[in-house]
N, C-alpha and C. Protein backbone atom coordinates (compact mmCIF):
# COMPACT_ATOMS: atom_id res chain seq x y z
N MET A 1 86.31 108.65 129.88
CA MET A 1 86.76 107.91 129.63
C MET A 1 88.50 108.99 129.54
N LEU A 2 88.97 108.04 129.26
CA LEU A 2 90.91 108.38 130.10
C LEU A 2 91.44 108.59 128.75
N SER A 3 93.29 109.49 128.31
CA SER A 3 93.68 109.41 127.46
C SER A 3 95.03 109.34 127.80
N CYS A 4 95.60 107.79 127.42
CA CYS A 4 97.31 108.07 127.99
C CYS A 4 98.09 109.36 127.54
N GLY A 5 98.35 110.09 128.35
CA GLY A 5 98.99 111.41 128.18
C GLY A 5 100.34 111.20 127.39
N HIS A 6 100.47 111.75 125.48
CA HIS A 6 101.02 111.60 124.28
C HIS A 6 101.31 109.85 124.63
N TRP A 7 100.92 110.26 124.20
CA TRP A 7 100.90 107.92 124.62
C TRP A 7 101.42 107.48 122.60
N ARG A 8 100.70 108.61 121.95
CA ARG A 8 100.77 108.54 120.71
C ARG A 8 102.73 108.54 120.10
N GLN A 9 102.99 109.32 120.70
CA GLN A 9 104.80 109.55 120.35
C GLN A 9 105.76 108.24 121.23
N GLN A 10 105.05 107.78 122.58
CA GLN A 10 104.75 107.07 123.18
C GLN A 10 105.24 105.61 122.08
N ASP A 11 104.55 105.62 122.14
CA ASP A 11 104.07 104.35 121.34
C ASP A 11 104.49 103.94 119.84
N ASP A 12 104.24 105.08 119.14
CA ASP A 12 104.97 104.78 117.53
C ASP A 12 106.06 104.55 117.39
N GLN A 13 106.82 104.89 118.90
CA GLN A 13 108.18 104.98 118.80
C GLN A 13 108.26 103.23 119.75
N LYS A 14 108.01 102.64 120.43
CA LYS A 14 107.79 101.50 121.54
C LYS A 14 106.43 100.71 121.16
N THR A 15 106.57 99.30 121.34
CA THR A 15 105.25 98.48 120.96
C THR A 15 104.95 98.06 122.31
N ALA A 16 104.31 98.07 123.48
CA ALA A 16 103.36 98.04 124.39
C ALA A 16 102.75 96.20 123.74
N PRO A 17 103.17 95.45 124.71
CA PRO A 17 102.13 94.68 124.42
C PRO A 17 101.24 94.56 124.71
N ASN A 18 100.52 93.64 124.10
CA ASN A 18 98.92 93.43 123.80
C ASN A 18 98.21 92.86 125.46
N GLY A 19 96.64 94.50 125.76
CA GLY A 19 96.40 94.06 127.37
C GLY A 19 96.75 94.89 128.28
N TRP A 20 98.00 95.46 127.09
CA TRP A 20 98.46 96.41 128.36
C TRP A 20 96.97 96.66 129.46
N PHE A 21 96.20 98.09 128.98
CA PHE A 21 94.86 98.07 129.91
C PHE A 21 93.75 96.81 129.78
N THR A 22 93.36 96.14 130.29
CA THR A 22 92.41 94.99 130.44
C THR A 22 91.19 95.22 130.81
N VAL A 23 90.78 96.54 131.78
CA VAL A 23 89.45 96.94 131.55
C VAL A 23 89.20 98.45 130.93
N ALA A 24 89.49 98.46 129.75
CA ALA A 24 89.19 99.05 129.27
C ALA A 24 88.77 99.28 127.94
N PHE A 25 87.42 99.93 127.32
CA PHE A 25 87.37 99.62 125.60
C PHE A 25 88.45 101.19 124.85
N PRO A 26 88.96 100.20 123.83
CA PRO A 26 89.44 100.91 123.10
C PRO A 26 88.27 101.90 122.23
N VAL A 27 88.53 103.06 122.16
CA VAL A 27 88.05 104.10 121.29
C VAL A 27 88.28 104.18 120.13
N ALA A 28 87.77 103.37 118.55
CA ALA A 28 87.54 103.27 117.70
C ALA A 28 88.81 104.15 116.83
N SER A 29 87.92 105.93 116.89
CA SER A 29 88.85 107.07 116.27
C SER A 29 89.81 106.99 116.69
N SER A 30 90.53 106.76 117.81
CA SER A 30 91.75 107.44 118.24
C SER A 30 93.15 106.34 118.12
N VAL A 31 93.10 105.33 117.41
CA VAL A 31 93.96 104.52 117.13
C VAL A 31 95.03 105.76 116.38
N SER A 32 96.09 105.13 116.14
CA SER A 32 97.70 106.62 116.36
C SER A 32 97.61 105.88 115.44
N SER A 33 98.81 106.46 114.30
CA SER A 33 99.61 105.90 113.09
C SER A 33 99.40 104.25 113.49
N SER A 34 100.36 103.74 114.16
CA SER A 34 100.99 102.61 114.80
C SER A 34 99.44 102.14 114.94
N GLY A 35 99.08 102.30 114.95
CA GLY A 35 97.32 101.37 115.01
C GLY A 35 97.08 100.79 116.43
N HIS A 36 97.73 101.43 117.86
CA HIS A 36 97.25 101.60 118.91
C HIS A 36 96.64 102.34 119.71
N VAL A 37 96.44 101.58 120.92
CA VAL A 37 95.37 103.27 121.19
C VAL A 37 95.21 103.76 121.13
N GLU A 38 94.60 105.48 121.58
CA GLU A 38 95.73 106.62 122.57
C GLU A 38 94.36 106.33 123.36
N GLU A 39 93.02 106.05 123.60
CA GLU A 39 91.75 106.45 124.53
C GLU A 39 91.29 105.36 124.47
N PHE A 40 90.54 105.65 125.34
CA PHE A 40 90.06 104.35 126.06
C PHE A 40 88.16 104.53 126.98
N LEU A 41 87.42 104.31 126.73
CA LEU A 41 86.42 104.44 127.40
C LEU A 41 86.60 103.45 128.54
N VAL A 42 86.34 103.87 129.17
CA VAL A 42 85.98 102.71 131.11
C VAL A 42 83.90 102.80 131.65
N VAL A 43 83.48 101.52 131.32
CA VAL A 43 82.38 102.21 132.52
C VAL A 43 82.42 101.47 134.01
N LEU A 44 81.38 101.56 134.09
CA LEU A 44 81.54 102.17 135.70
C LEU A 44 79.54 101.73 135.67
N THR A 45 79.22 100.67 136.62
CA THR A 45 78.06 100.92 137.06
C THR A 45 77.48 100.62 138.48
N THR A 46 76.57 100.96 138.61
CA THR A 46 76.06 100.72 140.30
C THR A 46 76.93 101.56 141.13
N THR A 47 77.60 103.02 140.83
CA THR A 47 79.01 103.64 141.29
C THR A 47 78.55 105.58 141.65
N THR A 48 77.69 105.45 142.16
CA THR A 48 78.01 107.16 142.69
C THR A 48 79.58 107.99 141.72
N PRO A 49 78.97 109.91 142.29
CA PRO A 49 79.59 110.44 140.99
C PRO A 49 81.07 110.85 141.72
N ALA A 50 81.16 110.74 143.66
CA ALA A 50 81.72 110.44 144.02
C ALA A 50 82.93 109.35 144.03
N GLU A 51 82.25 107.81 143.80
CA GLU A 51 83.13 106.93 143.35
C GLU A 51 83.84 106.95 142.47
N ILE A 52 83.29 107.99 141.02
CA ILE A 52 83.56 107.76 139.96
C ILE A 52 84.42 108.87 139.86
N VAL A 53 84.89 109.34 140.56
CA VAL A 53 85.76 110.66 140.84
C VAL A 53 86.89 110.29 141.66
N GLN A 54 86.58 109.12 142.45
CA GLN A 54 87.56 108.63 143.98
C GLN A 54 88.18 107.22 142.33
N THR A 55 87.05 106.89 141.66
CA THR A 55 88.12 105.56 141.56
C THR A 55 89.24 105.77 139.93
N ALA A 56 88.45 107.23 138.90
CA ALA A 56 89.41 107.53 138.22
C ALA A 56 91.05 108.25 139.08
N GLU A 57 91.17 109.18 140.28
CA GLU A 57 91.16 109.39 140.25
C GLU A 57 93.22 108.29 141.15
N ARG A 58 92.12 107.06 141.77
CA ARG A 58 93.06 105.67 141.69
C ARG A 58 93.81 105.75 140.81
N LEU A 59 93.02 105.95 139.83
CA LEU A 59 93.67 105.12 138.55
C LEU A 59 94.88 105.75 137.73
N ARG A 60 93.61 107.48 137.83
CA ARG A 60 95.75 108.36 137.50
C ARG A 60 96.68 108.54 138.28
N LYS A 61 97.79 108.30 139.47
CA LYS A 61 98.15 108.46 140.33
C LYS A 61 98.29 107.68 140.38
N ARG A 62 97.69 106.01 140.05
CA ARG A 62 98.29 104.57 139.80
C ARG A 62 99.28 104.78 138.84
N LEU A 63 98.94 104.50 137.24
CA LEU A 63 99.44 105.40 135.48
C LEU A 63 101.32 106.27 136.20
N GLU A 64 100.36 107.34 136.85
CA GLU A 64 101.58 108.39 136.54
C GLU A 64 102.86 107.66 138.06
N ASN A 65 102.39 106.76 138.82
CA ASN A 65 103.49 106.43 139.55
C ASN A 65 104.21 104.68 138.82
N TYR A 66 103.92 104.44 137.78
CA TYR A 66 103.91 103.43 137.41
C TYR A 66 104.95 103.37 135.88
N SER A 67 106.08 102.78 136.26
CA SER A 67 106.41 103.18 135.19
C SER A 67 106.93 101.62 134.84
N HIS A 68 106.60 101.17 132.56
CA HIS A 68 106.32 100.46 132.03
C HIS A 68 107.44 100.10 131.60
N PRO A 69 107.85 98.97 131.86
CA PRO A 69 109.25 98.11 131.32
C PRO A 69 109.63 98.55 129.56
N GLY A 70 108.87 98.03 129.20
CA GLY A 70 108.00 99.19 126.67
C GLY A 70 108.01 100.22 126.41
N VAL A 71 107.46 100.82 127.89
CA VAL A 71 107.32 101.87 127.04
C VAL A 71 107.44 102.98 127.92
N GLY A 72 107.73 102.87 129.73
CA GLY A 72 107.88 104.34 130.55
C GLY A 72 107.33 104.61 131.02
N ARG A 73 107.15 105.84 131.27
CA ARG A 73 106.15 106.76 132.45
C ARG A 73 105.18 106.77 131.59
N VAL A 74 103.73 107.08 131.98
CA VAL A 74 103.22 107.19 131.66
C VAL A 74 101.50 108.10 132.05
N THR A 75 101.27 109.03 131.71
CA THR A 75 100.56 109.69 132.45
C THR A 75 98.59 109.64 131.73
N ALA A 76 97.85 110.61 132.74
CA ALA A 76 97.14 109.63 132.09
C ALA A 76 95.18 110.75 132.03
N SER A 77 94.93 111.69 131.41
CA SER A 77 93.60 112.74 131.86
C SER A 77 92.10 111.29 131.26
N PHE A 78 91.91 111.91 132.53
CA PHE A 78 89.71 111.81 132.36
C PHE A 78 88.74 112.41 132.04
N GLY A 79 87.27 112.28 131.83
CA GLY A 79 86.81 112.76 131.06
C GLY A 79 86.04 112.19 132.16
N ILE A 80 84.89 111.96 133.05
CA ILE A 80 84.16 111.64 133.75
C ILE A 80 82.42 112.30 132.86
N ALA A 81 81.46 111.81 133.03
CA ALA A 81 80.29 112.00 132.27
C ALA A 81 79.12 110.42 133.44
N VAL A 82 78.37 111.37 133.63
CA VAL A 82 77.21 110.43 134.52
C VAL A 82 75.60 110.74 134.01
N THR A 83 75.34 109.62 133.71
CA THR A 83 73.82 109.65 133.43
C THR A 83 72.83 109.26 135.01
N THR A 84 72.00 109.51 135.05
CA THR A 84 71.07 109.04 135.47
C THR A 84 69.20 109.28 135.19
N SER A 85 69.60 109.54 133.62
CA SER A 85 68.15 109.41 132.86
C SER A 85 67.78 108.77 131.59
N ASP A 86 67.73 109.09 130.61
CA ASP A 86 66.67 108.01 129.57
C ASP A 86 67.93 109.11 128.52
N GLU A 87 69.39 109.16 128.83
CA GLU A 87 70.17 109.45 127.52
C GLU A 87 71.02 108.52 126.99
N ILE A 88 70.46 108.46 125.80
CA ILE A 88 71.57 107.99 124.55
C ILE A 88 72.53 108.10 124.86
N LEU A 89 73.43 106.88 124.82
CA LEU A 89 74.90 106.72 124.99
C LEU A 89 75.81 107.57 123.94
N ASP A 90 75.78 107.62 122.65
CA ASP A 90 76.19 108.49 121.96
C ASP A 90 76.20 109.70 122.64
N THR A 91 75.34 110.39 123.42
CA THR A 91 75.34 111.91 124.10
C THR A 91 76.29 111.55 124.96
N LEU A 92 76.01 110.47 126.48
CA LEU A 92 76.84 110.46 127.39
C LEU A 92 78.02 109.99 127.15
N ILE A 93 79.18 109.28 126.04
CA ILE A 93 80.02 109.47 125.41
C ILE A 93 80.46 110.64 124.87
N HIS A 94 79.87 111.20 124.71
CA HIS A 94 80.38 113.09 123.36
C HIS A 94 80.43 113.48 124.50
N ARG A 95 79.91 114.04 125.89
CA ARG A 95 80.50 114.54 127.14
C ARG A 95 81.56 113.81 127.79
N ALA A 96 81.50 112.85 127.94
CA ALA A 96 83.27 112.10 128.61
C ALA A 96 83.98 112.38 127.64
N ASP A 97 84.10 112.62 126.19
CA ASP A 97 84.67 112.93 125.42
C ASP A 97 85.20 114.41 124.98
N GLU A 98 83.70 115.11 125.91
CA GLU A 98 84.11 117.17 125.76
C GLU A 98 85.04 117.37 127.53
N ALA A 99 84.77 116.24 128.74
CA ALA A 99 85.27 116.46 129.77
C ALA A 99 87.05 115.53 129.43
N LEU A 100 86.85 115.49 128.67
CA LEU A 100 88.13 114.74 128.29
C LEU A 100 89.05 116.25 127.56
N TYR A 101 88.75 116.02 127.29
CA TYR A 101 89.55 117.60 126.33
C TYR A 101 89.26 118.07 127.22
N ALA A 102 88.57 118.85 127.91
CA ALA A 102 88.62 119.70 129.09
C ALA A 102 89.73 119.52 130.05
N ALA A 103 90.39 118.39 130.95
CA ALA A 103 91.10 117.59 131.42
C ALA A 103 92.69 118.02 130.61
N LYS A 104 92.46 117.84 129.49
CA LYS A 104 94.16 118.41 128.41
C LYS A 104 94.10 119.14 128.62
N GLN A 105 93.13 120.40 128.37
CA GLN A 105 93.57 121.54 127.72
C GLN A 105 93.73 122.70 129.87
N GLN A 106 92.70 121.44 130.78
CA GLN A 106 93.85 122.24 131.87
C GLN A 106 95.00 121.06 132.27
N GLY A 107 96.19 120.82 131.03
CA GLY A 107 97.06 121.06 132.17
C GLY A 107 97.65 118.80 131.58
N ARG A 108 96.58 118.98 131.47
CA ARG A 108 96.96 117.25 131.13
C ARG A 108 96.76 116.65 132.34
N ASN A 109 97.47 114.95 132.53
CA ASN A 109 97.29 114.35 133.85
C ASN A 109 96.46 114.90 135.15
N ARG A 110 94.55 114.89 134.80
CA ARG A 110 93.33 115.02 135.56
C ARG A 110 92.94 114.76 135.43
N VAL A 111 92.10 114.62 136.36
CA VAL A 111 90.48 114.09 136.14
C VAL A 111 89.88 115.66 136.23
N SER A 112 88.47 115.61 134.51
CA SER A 112 87.71 116.59 134.63
C SER A 112 86.49 116.00 134.43
N GLY A 113 84.72 116.70 135.00
CA GLY A 113 83.77 115.87 135.11
C GLY A 113 82.82 117.36 133.70
N ALA A 114 81.52 116.44 133.68
CA ALA A 114 80.72 116.86 132.83
C ALA A 114 79.85 117.21 133.84
N PRO A 115 79.07 117.67 133.40
CA PRO A 115 77.35 118.19 134.65
C PRO A 115 77.24 116.99 133.89
N VAL A 116 76.27 116.23 135.54
CA VAL A 116 75.14 115.40 135.84
C VAL A 116 74.61 115.96 134.65
N LYS A 117 73.83 114.71 134.12
CA LYS A 117 72.63 114.56 133.76
C LYS A 117 70.98 113.89 133.99
N ILE A 118 69.86 114.85 134.84
CA ILE A 118 69.23 114.52 134.65
C ILE A 118 67.46 114.26 134.59
């Protein structure tokens, strides 16, 4: 799960073009007052935990170094949860959300992981 840093303040002031994030699913509960989404769920399958962390770091760095013409600079925090068991989707998403919250609490613009459920 990823959250664009302080997106609501930026998004409420400037409207980003639709489809700016095309690889992620918006999380319904994260819609800002302007109707734009701040948090996204990214699903990676057949990927090792190390590859997931590498992917999240690569995305985080690319966002950090990119200046969108309509929004400006945006940072992102990532919460990672991996499962190899019969864990239900709601629980997995909850763990990713907790990891995302931990990343924000640690200073934002970082990747944080939840323990792997086996």
